[in-house]
């Protein structure tokens, strides 16, 4: 089997809007109530996928979930006197951030030699907690080959799990046996710690991971307080390289030592707070980047254009490239619509190491498919959604119809 890393990006859904539902996500709450542009957002996402395909990388995608989620409103006995936030929850397009779809343990790491995926329960945020049944259904289609994949239901919702955004994998190569690193937060701060330690430990057990190659590291409470609601806002790993902020982990020295001890040849590229503050890192989403291995073997960092707009961040990146570190390229992508809702390039993708031939081919992107998807978006996605439009029946019909057109073009009507 030829195992490669496949990035499955979420296609931004036609109900993309700024309702500010995510407590602790400073960008989302800051931009609450602004006009959103679903068509532009989705096309920006397609452009990012095409950008990475052009680099010679294998690219997949996951579909928007059914919205508005009318069954949720029925369950809540929603009427005109109910909390309007409930209506916004039913319209949320937050499944676009597929880094929260599941936690993935590739076949070389697991006891049974199959790739294991556990769908995230996302219980901490009500608007996201309704996602997992539809996400699970989609994962079971995309990764339905049971000779190669096991797709698990969610960890019991007593323990919050937010998926791959709090999980890293390090080793000499994607195709080899690696160390899996679970990063969790402790409750009690101003903002909720969304990844519970017990959820991470449960996932490691159900995936059949070797205790000797599994680490559990606490995220810095300071980072969570600053708005790093997931680990991937302050740290990202790729093969033997960890790129992180100085204040990413609660016990910096202990975390670094554990990683170096577990991962032979590990290189830690750390950005000091004196060069880039936590606030600047979170605003620019420097670490919510895609750290990727190019076909040449070089490590490249795919960052949002907001990093170029920050003098501190761009200055540090230029200095890094001038040195002899393991990250040799920095490439910029425009995902401003996603960024304004609190998700950078890394939020938009789920990393799955697998043989592409074992994945349902309908979920793998090529240029023809990208063109077909872009055409549907151009034709059917709303150009804009203002806050007072959420809940309007006509817009709801347009949103539902747009998704149906996409399912039809991709021959995935079973997910309707």
Protein backbone atom coordinates (compact mmCIF):
# COMPACT_ATOMS: atom_id res chain seq x y z
CA UNK A 1 0.00 0.00 0.00
CA UNK A 2 1.25 3.48 -0.88
CA UNK A 3 0.34 5.55 2.19
CA UNK A 4 0.29 9.32 1.73
CA UNK A 5 -1.15 12.20 3.68
CA UNK A 6 -4.46 13.33 2.20
CA UNK A 7 -5.92 16.65 3.28
CA UNK A 8 -9.73 16.56 3.24
CA UNK A 9 -10.89 20.18 3.12
CA UNK A 10 -14.40 21.16 4.08
CA UNK A 11 -16.39 22.83 1.31
CA UNK A 12 -17.83 25.99 2.85
CA UNK A 13 -21.59 25.56 3.03
CA UNK A 14 -24.19 27.85 1.45
CA UNK A 15 -25.46 28.96 4.88
CA UNK A 16 -22.08 30.45 5.92
CA UNK A 17 -22.86 33.39 8.22
CA UNK A 18 -21.48 35.36 11.16
CA UNK A 19 -23.62 34.63 14.20
CA UNK A 20 -20.81 34.68 16.78
CA UNK A 21 -21.88 31.42 18.43
CA UNK A 22 -18.43 30.18 19.42
CA UNK A 23 -17.43 31.42 22.89
CA UNK A 24 -13.65 31.79 23.15
CA UNK A 25 -13.21 32.14 19.38
CA UNK A 26 -12.34 35.82 19.32
CA UNK A 27 -12.59 36.29 15.56
CA UNK A 28 -16.05 34.74 15.47
CA UNK A 29 -17.39 36.86 18.32
CA UNK A 30 -15.70 40.01 17.02
CA UNK A 31 -17.37 39.69 13.61
CA UNK A 32 -20.78 38.60 14.88
CA UNK A 33 -23.59 40.37 13.06
CA UNK A 34 -21.60 41.25 9.94
CA UNK A 35 -22.68 40.34 6.43
CA UNK A 36 -21.16 37.05 5.27
CA UNK A 37 -20.39 36.02 1.71
CA UNK A 38 -20.94 32.27 1.30
CA UNK A 39 -20.11 32.16 -2.41
CA UNK A 40 -16.81 33.96 -1.95
CA UNK A 41 -16.00 31.84 1.12
CA UNK A 42 -16.57 28.57 -0.73
CA UNK A 43 -14.58 29.70 -3.78
CA UNK A 44 -11.70 30.75 -1.52
CA UNK A 45 -11.73 27.23 -0.10
CA UNK A 46 -11.70 25.66 -3.57
CA UNK A 47 -8.82 27.94 -4.55
CA UNK A 48 -6.84 26.76 -1.51
CA UNK A 49 -7.43 23.13 -2.49
CA UNK A 50 -6.33 23.82 -6.04
CA UNK A 51 -3.26 25.65 -4.73
CA UNK A 52 -2.22 22.58 -2.75
CA UNK A 53 -2.97 20.19 -5.61
CA UNK A 54 -0.70 22.30 -7.81
CA UNK A 55 2.08 21.62 -5.31
CA UNK A 56 1.72 17.91 -6.11
CA UNK A 57 -0.24 17.02 -2.96
CA UNK A 58 -3.16 14.60 -2.75
CA UNK A 59 -6.35 16.52 -1.97
CA UNK A 60 -9.75 15.39 -0.77
CA UNK A 61 -12.86 17.16 0.43
CA UNK A 62 -15.85 16.75 2.72
CA UNK A 63 -19.31 18.12 1.99
CA UNK A 64 -21.39 20.71 3.81
CA UNK A 65 -23.91 19.21 6.21
CA UNK A 66 -27.69 19.62 5.69
CA UNK A 67 -28.71 23.14 6.69
CA UNK A 68 -30.90 24.57 8.04
CA UNK A 69 -31.12 21.69 10.50
CA UNK A 70 -34.89 21.74 10.91
CA UNK A 71 -35.00 18.61 13.05
CA UNK A 72 -32.95 20.46 15.68
CA UNK A 73 -35.49 23.28 15.75
CA UNK A 74 -38.29 20.73 16.05
CA UNK A 75 -36.51 19.04 18.96
CA UNK A 76 -36.19 22.44 20.66
CA UNK A 77 -39.89 23.25 20.04
CA UNK A 78 -38.70 26.43 18.37
CA UNK A 79 -41.21 29.21 17.76
CA UNK A 80 -41.01 32.95 17.24
CA UNK A 81 -40.77 33.55 20.99
CA UNK A 82 -37.81 31.22 21.44
CA UNK A 83 -34.19 32.35 21.76
CA UNK A 84 -33.09 33.54 18.29
CA UNK A 85 -29.70 31.94 18.89
CA UNK A 86 -31.39 28.57 18.40
CA UNK A 87 -32.29 29.55 14.88
CA UNK A 88 -28.71 30.59 14.18
CA UNK A 89 -27.47 27.23 15.49
CA UNK A 90 -29.66 25.40 12.99
CA UNK A 91 -28.13 27.47 10.17
CA UNK A 92 -24.48 27.22 11.22
CA UNK A 93 -22.02 26.19 8.51
CA UNK A 94 -19.27 25.41 11.03
CA UNK A 95 -18.78 21.86 9.73
CA UNK A 96 -16.60 23.54 7.08
CA UNK A 97 -13.79 23.29 9.65
CA UNK A 98 -13.08 19.62 9.14
CA UNK A 99 -10.13 19.67 11.56
CA UNK A 100 -12.94 19.21 14.09
CA UNK A 101 -14.68 16.40 12.21
CA UNK A 102 -12.73 13.52 13.74
CA UNK A 103 -9.49 12.29 15.25
CA UNK A 104 -7.49 10.09 12.90
CA UNK A 105 -4.96 7.36 13.75
CA UNK A 106 -3.37 5.97 10.57
CA UNK A 107 -2.87 2.25 10.06
CA UNK A 108 0.87 2.09 10.96
CA UNK A 109 0.06 3.32 14.49
CA UNK A 110 -2.83 1.00 15.37
CA UNK A 111 -3.02 -2.49 16.83
CA UNK A 112 -5.13 -3.95 14.00
CA UNK A 113 -3.28 -2.21 11.15
CA UNK A 114 -6.30 -0.22 10.01
CA UNK A 115 -6.84 3.54 10.00
CA UNK A 116 -9.18 4.51 12.84
CA UNK A 117 -11.36 7.63 12.88
CA UNK A 118 -13.48 8.78 15.84
CA UNK A 119 -16.08 11.41 14.98
CA UNK A 120 -15.87 14.39 17.37
CA UNK A 121 -18.83 15.02 19.68
CA UNK A 122 -18.18 18.82 19.76
CA UNK A 123 -20.34 18.94 22.86
CA UNK A 124 -18.88 22.18 24.29
CA UNK A 125 -20.54 24.40 21.67
CA UNK A 126 -24.30 23.76 21.17
CA UNK A 127 -24.28 24.74 17.49
CA UNK A 128 -21.51 22.25 16.79
CA UNK A 129 -22.84 19.46 19.00
CA UNK A 130 -25.57 18.78 16.42
CA UNK A 131 -23.04 18.04 13.66
CA UNK A 132 -21.72 14.61 14.54
CA UNK A 133 -24.54 12.34 13.24
CA UNK A 134 -24.31 13.78 9.73
CA UNK A 135 -20.51 13.92 9.88
CA UNK A 136 -20.41 10.29 10.97
CA UNK A 137 -22.65 9.28 8.08
CA UNK A 138 -20.33 11.04 5.64
CA UNK A 139 -17.16 9.54 7.13
CA UNK A 140 -18.68 6.08 6.86
CA UNK A 141 -19.18 6.62 3.14
CA UNK A 142 -15.80 8.22 2.43
CA UNK A 143 -13.92 5.64 4.51
CA UNK A 144 -16.30 2.73 4.10
CA UNK A 145 -13.67 0.17 3.09
CA UNK A 146 -13.62 -1.90 6.28
CA UNK A 147 -10.45 -3.72 5.27
CA UNK A 148 -8.61 -0.45 5.72
CA UNK A 149 -10.72 1.84 7.95
CA UNK A 150 -12.67 1.74 11.20
CA UNK A 151 -15.01 4.69 11.77
CA UNK A 152 -16.12 5.05 15.38
CA UNK A 153 -19.04 6.95 16.85
CA UNK A 154 -18.39 9.78 19.30
CA UNK A 155 -16.91 9.62 22.78
CA UNK A 156 -19.77 9.96 25.30
CA UNK A 157 -20.69 13.64 25.52
CA UNK A 158 -19.76 13.91 29.19
CA UNK A 159 -16.23 14.43 27.84
CA UNK A 160 -15.74 17.11 25.20
CA UNK A 161 -13.88 16.09 22.06
CA UNK A 162 -13.07 18.52 19.25
CA UNK A 163 -11.17 16.22 16.95
CA UNK A 164 -7.90 16.55 15.07
CA UNK A 165 -7.50 20.22 16.01
CA UNK A 166 -6.12 18.90 19.32
CA UNK A 167 -4.10 16.00 17.93
CA UNK A 168 -0.67 15.86 16.33
CA UNK A 169 1.33 13.01 14.82
CA UNK A 170 5.12 13.01 14.63
CA UNK A 171 7.69 10.62 13.19
CA UNK A 172 10.20 10.20 10.42
CA UNK A 173 7.58 9.80 7.68
CA UNK A 174 3.79 9.83 7.29
CA UNK A 175 3.85 6.25 6.04
CA UNK A 176 5.74 4.93 9.06
CA UNK A 177 4.81 4.26 12.66
CA UNK A 178 4.56 7.58 14.46
CA UNK A 179 3.98 9.08 17.89
CA UNK A 180 0.47 10.45 18.43
CA UNK A 181 0.19 13.53 20.63
CA UNK A 182 -3.11 14.47 22.25
CA UNK A 183 -3.38 18.01 23.63
CA UNK A 184 -6.08 18.74 26.18
CA UNK A 185 -7.21 21.69 28.27
CA UNK A 186 -8.25 22.00 31.89
CA UNK A 187 -11.55 23.67 32.79
CA UNK A 188 -12.02 26.66 35.03
CA UNK A 189 -10.80 29.56 32.93
CA UNK A 190 -12.58 32.49 31.32
CA UNK A 191 -13.16 30.44 28.16
CA UNK A 192 -14.08 26.74 28.05
CA UNK A 193 -11.36 24.14 27.56
CA UNK A 194 -12.93 22.20 24.73
CA UNK A 195 -10.74 19.10 24.63
CA UNK A 196 -11.05 16.93 27.74
CA UNK A 197 -8.18 14.69 28.77
CA UNK A 198 -10.47 11.69 29.29
CA UNK A 199 -11.87 12.06 25.77
CA UNK A 200 -8.35 11.97 24.34
CA UNK A 201 -7.42 8.92 26.43
CA UNK A 202 -10.60 7.11 25.37
CA UNK A 203 -9.79 7.74 21.70
CA UNK A 204 -6.25 6.42 22.13
CA UNK A 205 -7.62 3.23 23.69
CA UNK A 206 -10.33 2.63 21.10
CA UNK A 207 -7.81 3.25 18.28
CA UNK A 208 -5.47 0.63 19.73
CA UNK A 209 -2.46 2.90 20.14
CA UNK A 210 0.77 1.77 21.79
CA UNK A 211 1.20 3.49 25.15
CA UNK A 212 4.91 3.96 24.43
CA UNK A 213 4.10 6.00 21.33
CA UNK A 214 1.27 8.09 22.75
CA UNK A 215 1.67 11.41 24.56
CA UNK A 216 -0.88 13.48 26.46
CA UNK A 217 0.10 17.12 26.88
CA UNK A 218 -1.79 19.93 28.56
CA UNK A 219 -2.45 23.08 26.55
CA UNK A 220 -1.38 26.31 28.19
CA UNK A 221 -4.23 27.94 30.14
CA UNK A 222 -2.68 31.25 29.13
CA UNK A 223 -3.16 30.33 25.46
CA UNK A 224 -6.79 29.32 26.03
CA UNK A 225 -7.43 32.59 27.88
CA UNK A 226 -5.92 34.49 24.94
CA UNK A 227 -8.34 32.84 22.50
CA UNK A 228 -6.50 29.68 21.42
CA UNK A 229 -9.62 27.56 21.65
CA UNK A 230 -7.84 24.60 20.00
CA UNK A 231 -4.23 23.46 20.09
CA UNK A 232 -3.93 24.05 16.34
CA UNK A 233 -4.19 27.79 16.98
CA UNK A 234 -0.77 27.66 18.72
CA UNK A 235 0.95 24.50 17.40
CA UNK A 236 1.11 22.32 14.30
CA UNK A 237 3.27 19.26 13.55
CA UNK A 238 4.37 17.46 10.41
CA UNK A 239 6.55 14.35 10.39
CA UNK A 240 9.55 15.19 12.64
CA UNK A 241 8.86 18.95 12.80
CA UNK A 242 6.82 20.77 15.45
CA UNK A 243 6.02 24.45 14.83
CA UNK A 244 4.69 26.10 17.94
CA UNK A 245 4.42 29.24 20.04
CA UNK A 246 6.50 29.57 23.18
CA UNK A 247 3.29 29.64 25.24
CA UNK A 248 1.52 26.72 23.54
CA UNK A 249 1.84 24.19 26.37
CA UNK A 250 1.23 24.37 30.11
CA UNK A 251 4.65 22.82 30.85
CA UNK A 252 6.81 23.99 27.98
CA UNK A 253 10.03 22.29 29.02
CA UNK A 254 8.28 19.04 29.94
CA UNK A 255 6.31 18.94 26.69
CA UNK A 256 9.39 19.58 24.55
CA UNK A 257 11.40 16.98 26.44
CA UNK A 258 8.66 14.36 26.09
CA UNK A 259 8.40 14.97 22.35
CA UNK A 260 12.17 14.83 21.81
CA UNK A 261 12.38 11.62 23.86
CA UNK A 262 9.53 9.95 21.96
CA UNK A 263 10.36 11.17 18.44
CA UNK A 264 13.96 10.55 17.34
CA UNK A 265 15.28 13.51 15.40
CA UNK A 266 12.40 15.78 16.37
CA UNK A 267 12.95 19.43 15.45
CA UNK A 268 10.99 22.05 17.38
CA UNK A 269 10.63 25.39 15.66
CA UNK A 270 9.43 27.66 18.44
CA UNK A 271 8.33 31.26 18.01
CA UNK A 272 9.20 33.29 21.11
CA UNK A 273 6.57 35.52 22.66
CA UNK A 274 9.05 38.38 22.49
CA UNK A 275 8.92 38.16 18.68
CA UNK A 276 5.23 37.32 18.16
CA UNK A 277 2.83 37.76 21.06
CA UNK A 278 0.01 35.30 21.68
CA UNK A 279 -2.46 37.98 20.64
CA UNK A 280 -0.65 38.54 17.35
CA UNK A 281 -0.32 34.80 16.72
CA UNK A 282 -4.05 34.29 17.28
CA UNK A 283 -5.10 37.32 15.22
CA UNK A 284 -2.92 36.27 12.26
CA UNK A 285 -3.48 32.52 12.73
CA UNK A 286 0.23 31.92 12.20
CA UNK A 287 0.04 28.44 13.72
CA UNK A 288 -3.34 27.53 12.24
CA UNK A 289 -1.33 26.75 9.14
CA UNK A 290 -0.87 23.67 7.03
CA UNK A 291 2.61 22.33 7.64
CA UNK A 292 3.13 19.93 4.74
CA UNK A 293 5.80 17.78 3.14
CA UNK A 294 6.16 18.63 -0.55
CA UNK A 295 7.02 15.97 -3.15
CA UNK A 296 10.59 17.36 -3.04
CA UNK A 297 10.79 16.42 0.65
CA UNK A 298 10.82 20.06 1.76
CA UNK A 299 8.55 21.23 4.56
CA UNK A 300 6.24 24.06 3.51
CA UNK A 301 4.00 26.24 5.66
CA UNK A 302 0.67 27.30 4.13
CA UNK A 303 -0.44 30.41 6.01
CA UNK A 304 -3.29 32.91 5.61
CA UNK A 305 -2.58 36.27 3.98
CA UNK A 306 -3.20 37.86 7.38
CA UNK A 307 0.29 36.65 8.31
CA UNK A 308 1.74 38.79 5.53
CA UNK A 309 -0.25 41.77 6.82
CA UNK A 310 1.34 41.52 10.29
CA UNK A 311 4.77 43.13 10.50
CA UNK A 312 5.75 41.00 13.50
CA UNK A 313 4.64 37.73 11.92
CA UNK A 314 5.96 38.36 8.42
CA UNK A 315 9.25 39.59 9.88
CA UNK A 316 9.65 36.42 11.92
CA UNK A 317 8.79 34.22 8.93
CA UNK A 318 11.34 36.01 6.75
CA UNK A 319 13.98 35.52 9.43
CA UNK A 320 13.09 31.83 9.72
CA UNK A 321 13.51 31.30 5.97
CA UNK A 322 16.86 33.09 6.06
CA UNK A 323 18.10 30.52 8.55
CA UNK A 324 18.76 26.80 8.22
CA UNK A 325 15.64 25.42 9.86
CA UNK A 326 13.51 22.55 8.54
CA UNK A 327 10.70 24.75 7.15
CA UNK A 328 11.94 25.96 3.77
CA UNK A 329 8.88 27.54 2.16
CA UNK A 330 6.09 29.85 3.33
CA UNK A 331 3.11 30.10 0.97
CA UNK A 332 0.14 32.43 1.42
CA UNK A 333 -3.53 31.66 0.73
CA UNK A 334 -6.60 33.89 0.92
CA UNK A 335 -9.25 32.40 3.21
CA UNK A 336 -10.50 35.70 4.64
CA UNK A 337 -14.15 34.64 4.88
CA UNK A 338 -13.19 31.65 7.01
CA UNK A 339 -10.71 33.70 9.02
CA UNK A 340 -13.41 36.23 9.91
CA UNK A 341 -15.40 33.38 11.45
CA UNK A 342 -12.41 32.05 13.37
CA UNK A 343 -10.89 29.38 11.12
CA UNK A 344 -7.59 29.45 9.23
CA UNK A 345 -6.09 27.09 6.64
CA UNK A 346 -5.58 24.26 9.15
CA UNK A 347 -9.14 24.47 10.47
CA UNK A 348 -10.43 23.76 6.98
CA UNK A 349 -8.75 20.37 6.61
CA UNK A 350 -8.68 16.89 8.13
CA UNK A 351 -5.44 14.98 7.63
CA UNK A 352 -5.80 11.28 6.79
CA UNK A 353 -2.78 9.11 6.02
CA UNK A 354 -4.01 6.34 3.73
CA UNK A 355 -3.66 4.76 0.32
CA UNK A 356 -5.85 7.00 -1.89
CA UNK A 357 -7.09 3.88 -3.71
CA UNK A 358 -8.81 2.71 -0.51
CA UNK A 359 -10.86 5.92 -0.12
CA UNK A 360 -14.22 6.39 -1.86
CA UNK A 361 -13.00 8.12 -5.03
CA UNK A 362 -15.91 10.56 -5.02
CA UNK A 363 -14.21 12.38 -2.13
CA UNK A 364 -10.87 12.86 -3.89
CA UNK A 365 -10.33 16.06 -5.82
CA UNK A 366 -8.97 16.53 -9.32
CA UNK A 367 -9.12 19.56 -11.57
CA UNK A 368 -12.29 18.47 -13.37
CA UNK A 369 -14.09 17.87 -10.10
CA UNK A 370 -12.84 21.19 -8.72
CA UNK A 371 -14.24 22.95 -11.76
CA UNK A 372 -17.61 21.22 -11.35
CA UNK A 373 -17.80 22.13 -7.66
CA UNK A 374 -16.84 25.74 -8.37
CA UNK A 375 -19.51 25.94 -11.07
CA UNK A 376 -22.22 24.78 -8.64
CA UNK A 377 -21.02 27.28 -6.05
CA UNK A 378 -21.02 30.11 -8.59
CA UNK A 379 -24.54 29.27 -9.69
CA UNK A 380 -26.32 28.28 -6.47
CA UNK A 381 -24.52 29.56 -3.34
CA UNK A 382 -26.00 32.80 -1.93
CA UNK A 383 -23.81 35.78 -2.66
CA UNK A 384 -24.37 37.21 0.81
CA UNK A 385 -26.23 36.53 4.04
CA UNK A 386 -27.06 39.35 6.43
CA UNK A 387 -27.95 38.57 10.07
CA UNK A 388 -31.62 39.45 9.63
CA UNK A 389 -31.94 37.00 6.71
CA UNK A 390 -31.22 33.92 8.83
CA UNK A 391 -34.43 31.95 9.17
CA UNK A 392 -36.16 33.31 6.09
CA UNK A 393 -37.94 30.43 4.30
CA UNK A 394 -36.87 31.52 0.82
CA UNK A 395 -33.21 31.63 1.82
CA UNK A 396 -33.57 28.29 3.56
CA UNK A 397 -34.88 26.76 0.36
CA UNK A 398 -31.98 28.25 -1.60
CA UNK A 399 -29.45 26.86 0.87
CA UNK A 400 -30.97 23.37 0.81
CA UNK A 401 -31.27 23.40 -2.98
CA UNK A 402 -27.64 24.47 -3.38
CA UNK A 403 -26.42 21.52 -1.36
CA UNK A 404 -28.67 19.14 -3.31
CA UNK A 405 -27.15 20.38 -6.58
CA UNK A 406 -23.67 19.69 -5.23
CA UNK A 407 -24.63 16.18 -4.11
CA UNK A 408 -26.05 15.51 -7.56
CA UNK A 409 -22.94 16.70 -9.40
CA UNK A 410 -20.71 14.58 -7.16
CA UNK A 411 -22.99 11.52 -7.34
CA UNK A 412 -23.38 11.51 -3.55
CA UNK A 413 -27.15 11.67 -3.25
CA UNK A 414 -27.13 9.06 -0.47
CA UNK A 415 -25.93 11.88 1.81
CA UNK A 416 -29.03 13.97 1.09
